[in-house]
Amino acid sequence: MATTPLLQALQGYLKVTTDRQQIVASNIANVDTPGYHTKDINFQSAMQQVMFNENDTQLGPATTDVEGLPERPDGNDVNIDRESLVLSQTQLQYQMGVQLIKEEFHRLLTAIKDGN
C-alpha cells in the first residue's frame, strides 16, 4: 500500500504512544510487586528510532528504569499518581495522532476528488 511520509511518521507516532501505554499499564499492574522498578521510554529517542528505521517494524522501544523515584520498604517504586498522569498524557498524545491521521486522509481524499 502506498503511503505518504507524513502517514508513515504518524503511524510510528501511534506505535510509540501505544508502546508507552503498555509500559505504563505494566507499571500499574506491578504496583504491589516487591522490587519492581517503574519503567518508561524516552519518547524523543523512540520517535527518532521510528523516523530513521521506518522500514523496520520489529524495533521496539528501549525501556529504562525511571530514576529518582522514592522506593517503598519492599523495593517497589511505582507511584500510582505518576502513572495515572503519564497514562492520561499518553492517551491525549494518541488521540492527537489519530486526529492528524484523519486530517491527512481527508486532505488526500480532497486531492483525489479535485484531481490534484
PDB file of N, CA and C in Angstrom:
ATOM      1  N   MET A   1       0.845  -1.179   0.000  1.00  0.00           N
ATOM      2  CA  MET A   1       0.000   0.000   0.000  1.00  0.00           C
ATOM      3  C   MET A   1       0.887   1.238   0.000  1.00  0.00           C
ATOM      4  N   ALA A   2       0.615   2.155  -0.888  1.00  0.00           N
ATOM      5  CA  ALA A   2       1.371   3.398  -0.951  1.00  0.00           C
ATOM      6  C   ALA A   2       0.962   4.298   0.207  1.00  0.00           C
ATOM      7  N   THR A   3       1.926   5.004   0.726  1.00  0.00           N
ATOM      8  CA  THR A   3       1.657   5.889   1.849  1.00  0.00           C
ATOM      9  C   THR A   3       2.525   7.134   1.721  1.00  0.00           C
ATOM     10  N   THR A   4       2.108   8.171   2.365  1.00  0.00           N
ATOM     11  CA  THR A   4       2.879   9.413   2.337  1.00  0.00           C
ATOM     12  C   THR A   4       3.878   9.401   3.494  1.00  0.00           C
ATOM     13  N   PRO A   5       4.938  10.187   3.391  1.00  0.00           N
ATOM     14  CA  PRO A   5       5.885  10.282   4.507  1.00  0.00           C
ATOM     15  C   PRO A   5       5.215  10.731   5.808  1.00  0.00           C
ATOM     16  N   LEU A   6       4.232  11.620   5.699  1.00  0.00           N
ATOM     17  CA  LEU A   6       3.531  12.071   6.901  1.00  0.00           C
ATOM     18  C   LEU A   6       2.750  10.929   7.535  1.00  0.00           C
ATOM     19  N   LEU A   7       2.080  10.120   6.717  1.00  0.00           N
ATOM     20  CA  LEU A   7       1.344   8.982   7.262  1.00  0.00           C
ATOM     21  C   LEU A   7       2.291   7.976   7.913  1.00  0.00           C
ATOM     22  N   GLN A   8       3.463   7.762   7.320  1.00  0.00           N
ATOM     23  CA  GLN A   8       4.453   6.864   7.926  1.00  0.00           C
ATOM     24  C   GLN A   8       4.886   7.391   9.287  1.00  0.00           C
ATOM     25  N   ALA A   9       5.144   8.683   9.365  1.00  0.00           N
ATOM     26  CA  ALA A   9       5.565   9.288  10.629  1.00  0.00           C
ATOM     27  C   ALA A   9       4.455   9.183  11.670  1.00  0.00           C
ATOM     28  N   LEU A  10       3.229   9.441  11.254  1.00  0.00           N
ATOM     29  CA  LEU A  10       2.100   9.365  12.187  1.00  0.00           C
ATOM     30  C   LEU A  10       1.849   7.927  12.644  1.00  0.00           C
ATOM     31  N   GLN A  11       2.041   6.979  11.754  1.00  0.00           N
ATOM     32  CA  GLN A  11       1.904   5.576  12.129  1.00  0.00           C
ATOM     33  C   GLN A  11       2.946   5.229  13.198  1.00  0.00           C
ATOM     34  N   GLY A  12       4.176   5.684  13.006  1.00  0.00           N
ATOM     35  CA  GLY A  12       5.220   5.466  14.006  1.00  0.00           C
ATOM     36  C   GLY A  12       4.901   6.149  15.316  1.00  0.00           C
ATOM     37  N   TYR A  13       4.346   7.350  15.228  1.00  0.00           N
ATOM     38  CA  TYR A  13       3.947   8.104  16.419  1.00  0.00           C
ATOM     39  C   TYR A  13       2.920   7.322  17.224  1.00  0.00           C
ATOM     40  N   LEU A  14       1.913   6.762  16.532  1.00  0.00           N
ATOM     41  CA  LEU A  14       0.890   5.970  17.219  1.00  0.00           C
ATOM     42  C   LEU A  14       1.491   4.717  17.845  1.00  0.00           C
ATOM     43  N   LYS A  15       2.465   4.115  17.170  1.00  0.00           N
ATOM     44  CA  LYS A  15       3.116   2.930  17.729  1.00  0.00           C
ATOM     45  C   LYS A  15       3.864   3.280  19.015  1.00  0.00           C
ATOM     46  N   VAL A  16       4.575   4.383  19.007  1.00  0.00           N
ATOM     47  CA  VAL A  16       5.320   4.798  20.203  1.00  0.00           C
ATOM     48  C   VAL A  16       4.357   5.086  21.355  1.00  0.00           C
ATOM     49  N   THR A  17       3.260   5.788  21.074  1.00  0.00           N
ATOM     50  CA  THR A  17       2.316   6.082  22.155  1.00  0.00           C
ATOM     51  C   THR A  17       1.644   4.802  22.658  1.00  0.00           C
ATOM     52  N   THR A  18       1.358   3.875  21.770  1.00  0.00           N
ATOM     53  CA  THR A  18       0.769   2.593  22.179  1.00  0.00           C
ATOM     54  C   THR A  18       1.757   1.809  23.038  1.00  0.00           C
ATOM     55  N   ASP A  19       3.013   1.769  22.608  1.00  0.00           N
ATOM     56  CA  ASP A  19       4.039   1.081  23.393  1.00  0.00           C
ATOM     57  C   ASP A  19       4.161   1.692  24.787  1.00  0.00           C
ATOM     58  N   ARG A  20       4.114   3.015  24.849  1.00  0.00           N
ATOM     59  CA  ARG A  20       4.230   3.683  26.151  1.00  0.00           C
ATOM     60  C   ARG A  20       3.016   3.371  27.026  1.00  0.00           C
ATOM     61  N   GLN A  21       1.834   3.335  26.435  1.00  0.00           N
ATOM     62  CA  GLN A  21       0.634   2.974  27.198  1.00  0.00           C
ATOM     63  C   GLN A  21       0.784   1.575  27.792  1.00  0.00           C
ATOM     64  N   GLN A  22       1.344   0.650  27.030  1.00  0.00           N
ATOM     65  CA  GLN A  22       1.539  -0.710  27.521  1.00  0.00           C
ATOM     66  C   GLN A  22       2.541  -0.753  28.668  1.00  0.00           C
ATOM     67  N   ILE A  23       3.585   0.047  28.583  1.00  0.00           N
ATOM     68  CA  ILE A  23       4.582   0.097  29.645  1.00  0.00           C
ATOM     69  C   ILE A  23       3.963   0.657  30.923  1.00  0.00           C
ATOM     70  N   VAL A  24       3.183   1.724  30.785  1.00  0.00           N
ATOM     71  CA  VAL A  24       2.527   2.322  31.951  1.00  0.00           C
ATOM     72  C   VAL A  24       1.543   1.331  32.561  1.00  0.00           C
ATOM     73  N   ALA A  25       0.794   0.635  31.730  1.00  0.00           N
ATOM     74  CA  ALA A  25      -0.146  -0.371  32.238  1.00  0.00           C
ATOM     75  C   ALA A  25       0.598  -1.471  32.997  1.00  0.00           C
ATOM     76  N   SER A  26       1.762  -1.843  32.498  1.00  0.00           N
ATOM     77  CA  SER A  26       2.587  -2.837  33.196  1.00  0.00           C
ATOM     78  C   SER A  26       3.059  -2.305  34.543  1.00  0.00           C
ATOM     79  N   ASN A  27       3.449  -1.034  34.577  1.00  0.00           N
ATOM     80  CA  ASN A  27       3.848  -0.424  35.852  1.00  0.00           C
ATOM     81  C   ASN A  27       2.705  -0.482  36.853  1.00  0.00           C
ATOM     82  N   ILE A  28       1.513  -0.123  36.401  1.00  0.00           N
ATOM     83  CA  ILE A  28       0.342  -0.123  37.289  1.00  0.00           C
ATOM     84  C   ILE A  28       0.037  -1.539  37.764  1.00  0.00           C
ATOM     85  N   ALA A  29       0.152  -2.493  36.858  1.00  0.00           N
ATOM     86  CA  ALA A  29      -0.127  -3.887  37.225  1.00  0.00           C
ATOM     87  C   ALA A  29       0.869  -4.413  38.257  1.00  0.00           C
ATOM     88  N   ASN A  30       2.050  -3.834  38.292  1.00  0.00           N
ATOM     89  CA  ASN A  30       3.098  -4.286  39.211  1.00  0.00           C
ATOM     90  C   ASN A  30       3.245  -3.405  40.442  1.00  0.00           C
ATOM     91  N   VAL A  31       2.236  -2.620  40.753  1.00  0.00           N
ATOM     92  CA  VAL A  31       2.309  -1.689  41.886  1.00  0.00           C
ATOM     93  C   VAL A  31       2.598  -2.411  43.200  1.00  0.00           C
ATOM     94  N   ASP A  32       2.186  -3.658  43.335  1.00  0.00           N
ATOM     95  CA  ASP A  32       2.391  -4.406  44.575  1.00  0.00           C
ATOM     96  C   ASP A  32       3.474  -5.479  44.455  1.00  0.00           C
ATOM     97  N   THR A  33       4.231  -5.479  43.362  1.00  0.00           N
ATOM     98  CA  THR A  33       5.286  -6.470  43.177  1.00  0.00           C
ATOM     99  C   THR A  33       6.559  -6.004  43.876  1.00  0.00           C
ATOM    100  N   PRO A  34       7.000  -6.747  44.893  1.00  0.00           N
ATOM    101  CA  PRO A  34       8.224  -6.340  45.607  1.00  0.00           C
ATOM    102  C   PRO A  34       9.418  -6.236  44.654  1.00  0.00           C
ATOM    103  N   GLY A  35      10.176  -5.160  44.789  1.00  0.00           N
ATOM    104  CA  GLY A  35      11.382  -4.960  43.986  1.00  0.00           C
ATOM    105  C   GLY A  35      11.164  -4.454  42.576  1.00  0.00           C
ATOM    106  N   TYR A  36       9.914  -4.280  42.178  1.00  0.00           N
ATOM    107  CA  TYR A  36       9.642  -3.803  40.814  1.00  0.00           C
ATOM    108  C   TYR A  36       9.997  -2.330  40.715  1.00  0.00           C
ATOM    109  N   HIS A  37      10.663  -1.959  39.622  1.00  0.00           N
ATOM    110  CA  HIS A  37      11.013  -0.564  39.376  1.00  0.00           C
ATOM    111  C   HIS A  37      10.245  -0.043  38.169  1.00  0.00           C
ATOM    112  N   THR A  38       9.753   1.166  38.293  1.00  0.00           N
ATOM    113  CA  THR A  38       8.986   1.827  37.246  1.00  0.00           C
ATOM    114  C   THR A  38       9.812   1.928  35.968  1.00  0.00           C
ATOM    115  N   LYS A  39       9.167   1.591  34.850  1.00  0.00           N
ATOM    116  CA  LYS A  39       9.820   1.661  33.540  1.00  0.00           C
ATOM    117  C   LYS A  39       9.121   2.701  32.679  1.00  0.00           C
ATOM    118  N   ASP A  40       9.850   3.211  31.714  1.00  0.00           N
ATOM    119  CA  ASP A  40       9.294   4.177  30.780  1.00  0.00           C
ATOM    120  C   ASP A  40      10.155   4.136  29.528  1.00  0.00           C
ATOM    121  N   ILE A  41       9.765   4.903  28.529  1.00  0.00           N
ATOM    122  CA  ILE A  41      10.581   5.058  27.324  1.00  0.00           C
ATOM    123  C   ILE A  41      10.909   6.529  27.159  1.00  0.00           C
ATOM    124  N   ASN A  42      12.002   6.791  26.489  1.00  0.00           N
ATOM    125  CA  ASN A  42      12.353   8.152  26.122  1.00  0.00           C
ATOM    126  C   ASN A  42      11.602   8.429  24.822  1.00  0.00           C
ATOM    127  N   PHE A  43      10.546   9.249  24.911  1.00  0.00           N
ATOM    128  CA  PHE A  43       9.663   9.488  23.775  1.00  0.00           C
ATOM    129  C   PHE A  43      10.428  10.035  22.571  1.00  0.00           C
ATOM    130  N   GLN A  44      11.301  11.005  22.807  1.00  0.00           N
ATOM    131  CA  GLN A  44      12.060  11.617  21.709  1.00  0.00           C
ATOM    132  C   GLN A  44      12.969  10.585  21.038  1.00  0.00           C
ATOM    133  N   SER A  45      13.645   9.800  21.832  1.00  0.00           N
ATOM    134  CA  SER A  45      14.526   8.770  21.288  1.00  0.00           C
ATOM    135  C   SER A  45      13.737   7.729  20.499  1.00  0.00           C
ATOM    136  N   ALA A  46      12.582   7.331  21.031  1.00  0.00           N
ATOM    137  CA  ALA A  46      11.744   6.352  20.340  1.00  0.00           C
ATOM    138  C   ALA A  46      11.249   6.902  19.003  1.00  0.00           C
ATOM    139  N   MET A  47      10.891   8.178  18.966  1.00  0.00           N
ATOM    140  CA  MET A  47      10.440   8.782  17.708  1.00  0.00           C
ATOM    141  C   MET A  47      11.583   8.875  16.700  1.00  0.00           C
ATOM    142  N   GLN A  48      12.786   9.172  17.162  1.00  0.00           N
ATOM    143  CA  GLN A  48      13.936   9.199  16.257  1.00  0.00           C
ATOM    144  C   GLN A  48      14.177   7.808  15.679  1.00  0.00           C
ATOM    145  N   GLN A  49      14.021   6.789  16.510  1.00  0.00           N
ATOM    146  CA  GLN A  49      14.177   5.420  16.043  1.00  0.00           C
ATOM    147  C   GLN A  49      13.142   5.114  14.960  1.00  0.00           C
ATOM    148  N   VAL A  50      11.913   5.543  15.173  1.00  0.00           N
ATOM    149  CA  VAL A  50      10.851   5.331  14.189  1.00  0.00           C
ATOM    150  C   VAL A  50      11.182   6.060  12.887  1.00  0.00           C
ATOM    151  N   MET A  51      11.625   7.293  12.993  1.00  0.00           N
ATOM    152  CA  MET A  51      11.876   8.105  11.801  1.00  0.00           C
ATOM    153  C   MET A  51      13.041   7.573  10.967  1.00  0.00           C
ATOM    154  N   PHE A  52      14.082   7.066  11.625  1.00  0.00           N
ATOM    155  CA  PHE A  52      15.271   6.644  10.895  1.00  0.00           C
ATOM    156  C   PHE A  52      15.281   5.162  10.554  1.00  0.00           C
ATOM    157  N   ASN A  53      14.341   4.396  11.092  1.00  0.00           N
ATOM    158  CA  ASN A  53      14.235   2.972  10.793  1.00  0.00           C
ATOM    159  C   ASN A  53      12.827   2.655  10.327  1.00  0.00           C
ATOM    160  N   GLU A  54      12.313   3.471   9.421  1.00  0.00           N
ATOM    161  CA  GLU A  54      10.903   3.389   9.048  1.00  0.00           C
ATOM    162  C   GLU A  54      10.505   2.051   8.446  1.00  0.00           C
ATOM    163  N   ASN A  55      11.433   1.312   7.849  1.00  0.00           N
ATOM    164  CA  ASN A  55      11.076   0.035   7.240  1.00  0.00           C
ATOM    165  C   ASN A  55      11.198  -1.135   8.200  1.00  0.00           C
ATOM    166  N   ASP A  56      11.738  -0.928   9.388  1.00  0.00           N
ATOM    167  CA  ASP A  56      11.950  -1.997  10.350  1.00  0.00           C
ATOM    168  C   ASP A  56      10.887  -1.920  11.439  1.00  0.00           C
ATOM    169  N   THR A  57       9.806  -2.661  11.261  1.00  0.00           N
ATOM    170  CA  THR A  57       8.706  -2.600  12.214  1.00  0.00           C
ATOM    171  C   THR A  57       8.942  -3.477  13.426  1.00  0.00           C
ATOM    172  N   GLN A  58      10.012  -4.278  13.430  1.00  0.00           N
ATOM    173  CA  GLN A  58      10.281  -5.161  14.560  1.00  0.00           C
ATOM    174  C   GLN A  58      10.952  -4.430  15.720  1.00  0.00           C
ATOM    175  N   LEU A  59      11.441  -3.233  15.483  1.00  0.00           N
ATOM    176  CA  LEU A  59      12.106  -2.492  16.551  1.00  0.00           C
ATOM    177  C   LEU A  59      11.090  -2.082  17.606  1.00  0.00           C
ATOM    178  N   GLY A  60      11.463  -2.267  18.843  1.00  0.00           N
ATOM    179  CA  GLY A  60      10.601  -1.854  19.935  1.00  0.00           C
ATOM    180  C   GLY A  60      11.261  -0.725  20.694  1.00  0.00           C
ATOM    181  N   PRO A  61      10.516  -0.114  21.576  1.00  0.00           N
ATOM    182  CA  PRO A  61      11.086   0.991  22.340  1.00  0.00           C
ATOM    183  C   PRO A  61      12.105   0.485  23.347  1.00  0.00           C
ATOM    184  N   ALA A  62      13.096   1.296  23.594  1.00  0.00           N
ATOM    185  CA  ALA A  62      14.089   0.968  24.616  1.00  0.00           C
ATOM    186  C   ALA A  62      13.536   1.395  25.964  1.00  0.00           C
ATOM    187  N   THR A  63      13.147   0.431  26.779  1.00  0.00           N
ATOM    188  CA  THR A  63      12.618   0.764  28.091  1.00  0.00           C
ATOM    189  C   THR A  63      13.765   0.942  29.071  1.00  0.00           C
ATOM    190  N   THR A  64      13.576   1.879  29.961  1.00  0.00           N
ATOM    191  CA  THR A  64      14.568   2.134  31.001  1.00  0.00           C
ATOM    192  C   THR A  64      13.857   2.292  32.331  1.00  0.00           C
ATOM    193  N   ASP A  65      14.585   2.021  33.393  1.00  0.00           N
ATOM    194  CA  ASP A  65      14.048   2.288  34.718  1.00  0.00           C
ATOM    195  C   ASP A  65      14.011   3.792  34.927  1.00  0.00           C
ATOM    196  N   VAL A  66      12.948   4.275  35.534  1.00  0.00           N
ATOM    197  CA  VAL A  66      12.819   5.695  35.838  1.00  0.00           C
ATOM    198  C   VAL A  66      13.645   5.961  37.098  1.00  0.00           C
ATOM    199  N   GLU A  67      14.558   6.884  36.996  1.00  0.00           N
ATOM    200  CA  GLU A  67      15.451   7.209  38.118  1.00  0.00           C
ATOM    201  C   GLU A  67      14.812   8.242  39.037  1.00  0.00           C
ATOM    202  N   GLY A  68      15.191   8.204  40.305  1.00  0.00           N
ATOM    203  CA  GLY A  68      14.831   9.256  41.246  1.00  0.00           C
ATOM    204  C   GLY A  68      13.480   9.106  41.920  1.00  0.00           C
ATOM    205  N   LEU A  69      12.813   7.974  41.716  1.00  0.00           N
ATOM    206  CA  LEU A  69      11.526   7.771  42.378  1.00  0.00           C
ATOM    207  C   LEU A  69      11.763   7.148  43.753  1.00  0.00           C
ATOM    208  N   PRO A  70      11.023   7.590  44.758  1.00  0.00           N
ATOM    209  CA  PRO A  70      11.222   7.016  46.091  1.00  0.00           C
ATOM    210  C   PRO A  70      10.747   5.561  46.149  1.00  0.00           C
ATOM    211  N   GLU A  71      11.549   4.730  46.776  1.00  0.00           N
ATOM    212  CA  GLU A  71      11.205   3.320  46.940  1.00  0.00           C
ATOM    213  C   GLU A  71      10.500   3.093  48.268  1.00  0.00           C
ATOM    214  N   ARG A  72       9.560   2.183  48.231  1.00  0.00           N
ATOM    215  CA  ARG A  72       8.937   1.734  49.470  1.00  0.00           C
ATOM    216  C   ARG A  72       9.855   0.696  50.119  1.00  0.00           C
ATOM    217  N   PRO A  73       9.572   0.293  51.339  1.00  0.00           N
ATOM    218  CA  PRO A  73      10.428  -0.696  52.011  1.00  0.00           C
ATOM    219  C   PRO A  73      10.585  -2.015  51.248  1.00  0.00           C
ATOM    220  N   ASP A  74       9.597  -2.378  50.420  1.00  0.00           N
ATOM    221  CA  ASP A  74       9.699  -3.635  49.656  1.00  0.00           C
ATOM    222  C   ASP A  74      10.511  -3.471  48.365  1.00  0.00           C
ATOM    223  N   GLY A  75      11.062  -2.260  48.116  1.00  0.00           N
ATOM    224  CA  GLY A  75      11.890  -2.018  46.938  1.00  0.00           C
ATOM    225  C   GLY A  75      11.123  -1.577  45.708  1.00  0.00           C
ATOM    226  N   ASN A  76       9.808  -1.513  45.783  1.00  0.00           N
ATOM    227  CA  ASN A  76       8.974  -1.087  44.663  1.00  0.00           C
ATOM    228  C   ASN A  76       8.907   0.444  44.650  1.00  0.00           C
ATOM    229  N   ASP A  77       9.020   1.033  43.452  1.00  0.00           N
ATOM    230  CA  ASP A  77       8.962   2.500  43.363  1.00  0.00           C
ATOM    231  C   ASP A  77       7.830   3.019  42.480  1.00  0.00           C
ATOM    232  N   VAL A  78       6.834   2.171  42.194  1.00  0.00           N
ATOM    233  CA  VAL A  78       5.708   2.599  41.359  1.00  0.00           C
ATOM    234  C   VAL A  78       4.833   3.572  42.147  1.00  0.00           C
ATOM    235  N   ASN A  79       4.548   4.711  41.534  1.00  0.00           N
ATOM    236  CA  ASN A  79       3.691   5.727  42.125  1.00  0.00           C
ATOM    237  C   ASN A  79       2.446   5.833  41.248  1.00  0.00           C
ATOM    238  N   ILE A  80       1.307   5.439  41.786  1.00  0.00           N
ATOM    239  CA  ILE A  80       0.067   5.414  41.002  1.00  0.00           C
ATOM    240  C   ILE A  80      -0.292   6.798  40.472  1.00  0.00           C
ATOM    241  N   ASP A  81      -0.056   7.842  41.258  1.00  0.00           N
ATOM    242  CA  ASP A  81      -0.361   9.201  40.784  1.00  0.00           C
ATOM    243  C   ASP A  81       0.464   9.541  39.552  1.00  0.00           C
ATOM    244  N   ARG A  82       1.757   9.227  39.583  1.00  0.00           N
ATOM    245  CA  ARG A  82       2.631   9.491  38.435  1.00  0.00           C
ATOM    246  C   ARG A  82       2.165   8.688  37.225  1.00  0.00           C
ATOM    247  N   GLU A  83       1.863   7.410  37.439  1.00  0.00           N
ATOM    248  CA  GLU A  83       1.464   6.543  36.327  1.00  0.00           C
ATOM    249  C   GLU A  83       0.131   6.992  35.730  1.00  0.00           C
ATOM    250  N   SER A  84      -0.790   7.440  36.561  1.00  0.00           N
ATOM    251  CA  SER A  84      -2.079   7.936  36.065  1.00  0.00           C
ATOM    252  C   SER A  84      -1.881   9.178  35.202  1.00  0.00           C
ATOM    253  N   LEU A  85      -0.996  10.066  35.649  1.00  0.00           N
ATOM    254  CA  LEU A  85      -0.703  11.271  34.878  1.00  0.00           C
ATOM    255  C   LEU A  85      -0.058  10.924  33.537  1.00  0.00           C
ATOM    256  N   VAL A  86       0.939  10.044  33.559  1.00  0.00           N
ATOM    257  CA  VAL A  86       1.618   9.645  32.320  1.00  0.00           C
ATOM    258  C   VAL A  86       0.635   8.956  31.376  1.00  0.00           C
ATOM    259  N   LEU A  87      -0.237   8.111  31.924  1.00  0.00           N
ATOM    260  CA  LEU A  87      -1.229   7.424  31.098  1.00  0.00           C
ATOM    261  C   LEU A  87      -2.177   8.432  30.445  1.00  0.00           C
ATOM    262  N   SER A  88      -2.626   9.423  31.206  1.00  0.00           N
ATOM    263  CA  SER A  88      -3.505  10.462  30.653  1.00  0.00           C
ATOM    264  C   SER A  88      -2.804  11.243  29.547  1.00  0.00           C
ATOM    265  N   GLN A  89      -1.557  11.620  29.778  1.00  0.00           N
ATOM    266  CA  GLN A  89      -0.797  12.350  28.762  1.00  0.00           C
ATOM    267  C   GLN A  89      -0.645  11.517  27.491  1.00  0.00           C
ATOM    268  N   THR A  90      -0.336  10.247  27.676  1.00  0.00           N
ATOM    269  CA  THR A  90      -0.126   9.366  26.535  1.00  0.00           C
ATOM    270  C   THR A  90      -1.418   9.147  25.755  1.00  0.00           C
ATOM    271  N   GLN A  91      -2.537   9.045  26.457  1.00  0.00           N
ATOM    272  CA  GLN A  91      -3.826   8.911  25.781  1.00  0.00           C
ATOM    273  C   GLN A  91      -4.144  10.148  24.951  1.00  0.00           C
ATOM    274  N   LEU A  92      -3.835  11.320  25.491  1.00  0.00           N
ATOM    275  CA  LEU A  92      -4.047  12.556  24.724  1.00  0.00           C
ATOM    276  C   LEU A  92      -3.144  12.608  23.496  1.00  0.00           C
ATOM    277  N   GLN A  93      -1.899  12.171  23.650  1.00  0.00           N
ATOM    278  CA  GLN A  93      -0.980  12.129  22.516  1.00  0.00           C
ATOM    279  C   GLN A  93      -1.514  11.188  21.436  1.00  0.00           C
ATOM    280  N   TYR A  94      -2.026  10.032  21.852  1.00  0.00           N
ATOM    281  CA  TYR A  94      -2.578   9.070  20.906  1.00  0.00           C
ATOM    282  C   TYR A  94      -3.773   9.661  20.164  1.00  0.00           C
ATOM    283  N   GLN A  95      -4.676  10.290  20.909  1.00  0.00           N
ATOM    284  CA  GLN A  95      -5.855  10.906  20.288  1.00  0.00           C
ATOM    285  C   GLN A  95      -5.454  11.980  19.286  1.00  0.00           C
ATOM    286  N   MET A  96      -4.419  12.744  19.620  1.00  0.00           N
ATOM    287  CA  MET A  96      -3.936  13.763  18.693  1.00  0.00           C
ATOM    288  C   MET A  96      -3.397  13.109  17.419  1.00  0.00           C
ATOM    289  N   GLY A  97      -2.657  12.011  17.570  1.00  0.00           N
ATOM    290  CA  GLY A  97      -2.138  11.295  16.410  1.00  0.00           C
ATOM    291  C   GLY A  97      -3.246  10.774  15.516  1.00  0.00           C
ATOM    292  N   VAL A  98      -4.284  10.222  16.112  1.00  0.00           N
ATOM    293  CA  VAL A  98      -5.429   9.729  15.338  1.00  0.00           C
ATOM    294  C   VAL A  98      -6.091  10.886  14.588  1.00  0.00           C
ATOM    295  N   GLN A  99      -6.252  12.013  15.252  1.00  0.00           N
ATOM    296  CA  GLN A  99      -6.865  13.176  14.601  1.00  0.00           C
ATOM    297  C   GLN A  99      -6.014  13.654  13.419  1.00  0.00           C
ATOM    298  N   LEU A 100      -4.702  13.666  13.596  1.00  0.00           N
ATOM    299  CA  LEU A 100      -3.821  14.085  12.500  1.00  0.00           C
ATOM    300  C   LEU A 100      -3.897  13.119  11.322  1.00  0.00           C
ATOM    301  N   ILE A 101      -4.019  11.832  11.597  1.00  0.00           N
ATOM    302  CA  ILE A 101      -4.172  10.852  10.516  1.00  0.00           C
ATOM    303  C   ILE A 101      -5.492  11.083   9.786  1.00  0.00           C
ATOM    304  N   LYS A 102      -6.554  11.329  10.528  1.00  0.00           N
ATOM    305  CA  LYS A 102      -7.849  11.617   9.891  1.00  0.00           C
ATOM    306  C   LYS A 102      -7.741  12.826   8.973  1.00  0.00           C
ATOM    307  N   GLU A 103      -7.060  13.864   9.444  1.00  0.00           N
ATOM    308  CA  GLU A 103      -6.900  15.071   8.632  1.00  0.00           C
ATOM    309  C   GLU A 103      -6.073  14.802   7.388  1.00  0.00           C
ATOM    310  N   GLU A 104      -5.044  13.957   7.508  1.00  0.00           N
ATOM    311  CA  GLU A 104      -4.216  13.621   6.340  1.00  0.00           C
ATOM    312  C   GLU A 104      -5.031  12.816   5.330  1.00  0.00           C
ATOM    313  N   PHE A 105      -5.842  11.872   5.800  1.00  0.00           N
ATOM    314  CA  PHE A 105      -6.710  11.123   4.881  1.00  0.00           C
ATOM    315  C   PHE A 105      -7.717  12.049   4.204  1.00  0.00           C
ATOM    316  N   HIS A 106      -8.261  12.988   4.965  1.00  0.00           N
ATOM    317  CA  HIS A 106      -9.200  13.948   4.387  1.00  0.00           C
ATOM    318  C   HIS A 106      -8.499  14.789   3.309  1.00  0.00           C
ATOM    319  N   ARG A 107      -7.273  15.211   3.594  1.00  0.00           N
ATOM    320  CA  ARG A 107      -6.506  16.002   2.623  1.00  0.00           C
ATOM    321  C   ARG A 107      -6.258  15.187   1.352  1.00  0.00           C
ATOM    322  N   LEU A 108      -5.884  13.912   1.525  1.00  0.00           N
ATOM    323  CA  LEU A 108      -5.635  13.057   0.356  1.00  0.00           C
ATOM    324  C   LEU A 108      -6.907  12.816  -0.447  1.00  0.00           C
ATOM    325  N   LEU A 109      -8.017  12.580   0.256  1.00  0.00           N
ATOM    326  CA  LEU A 109      -9.286  12.373  -0.428  1.00  0.00           C
ATOM    327  C   LEU A 109      -9.700  13.611  -1.218  1.00  0.00           C
ATOM    328  N   THR A 110      -9.504  14.780  -0.622  1.00  0.00           N
ATOM    329  CA  THR A 110      -9.821  16.029  -1.308  1.00  0.00           C
ATOM    330  C   THR A 110      -8.954  16.197  -2.551  1.00  0.00           C
ATOM    331  N   ALA A 111      -7.674  15.860  -2.436  1.00  0.00           N
ATOM    332  CA  ALA A 111      -6.771  15.966  -3.597  1.00  0.00           C
ATOM    333  C   ALA A 111      -7.183  15.011  -4.709  1.00  0.00           C
ATOM    334  N   ILE A 112      -7.612  13.808  -4.329  1.00  0.00           N
ATOM    335  CA  ILE A 112      -8.049  12.830  -5.331  1.00  0.00           C
ATOM    336  C   ILE A 112      -9.323  13.312  -6.026  1.00  0.00           C
ATOM    337  N   LYS A 113     -10.274  13.812  -5.246  1.00  0.00           N
ATOM    338  CA  LYS A 113     -11.533  14.294  -5.819  1.00  0.00           C
ATOM    339  C   LYS A 113     -11.325  15.492  -6.738  1.00  0.00           C
ATOM    340  N   ASP A 114     -10.395  16.375  -6.348  1.00  0.00           N
ATOM    341  CA  ASP A 114     -10.127  17.567  -7.157  1.00  0.00           C
ATOM    342  C   ASP A 114      -9.200  17.282  -8.321  1.00  0.00           C
ATOM    343  N   GLY A 115      -8.610  16.091  -8.329  1.00  0.00           N
ATOM    344  CA  GLY A 115      -7.705  15.741  -9.421  1.00  0.00           C
ATOM    345  C   GLY A 115      -6.330  16.363  -9.292  1.00  0.00           C
ATOM    346  N   ASN A 116      -5.955  16.811  -8.123  1.00  0.00           N
ATOM    347  CA  ASN A 116      -4.636  17.426  -7.908  1.00  0.00           C
ATOM    348  C   ASN A 116      -3.691  16.443  -7.286  1.00  0.00           C
TER     349      ASN A 116
END
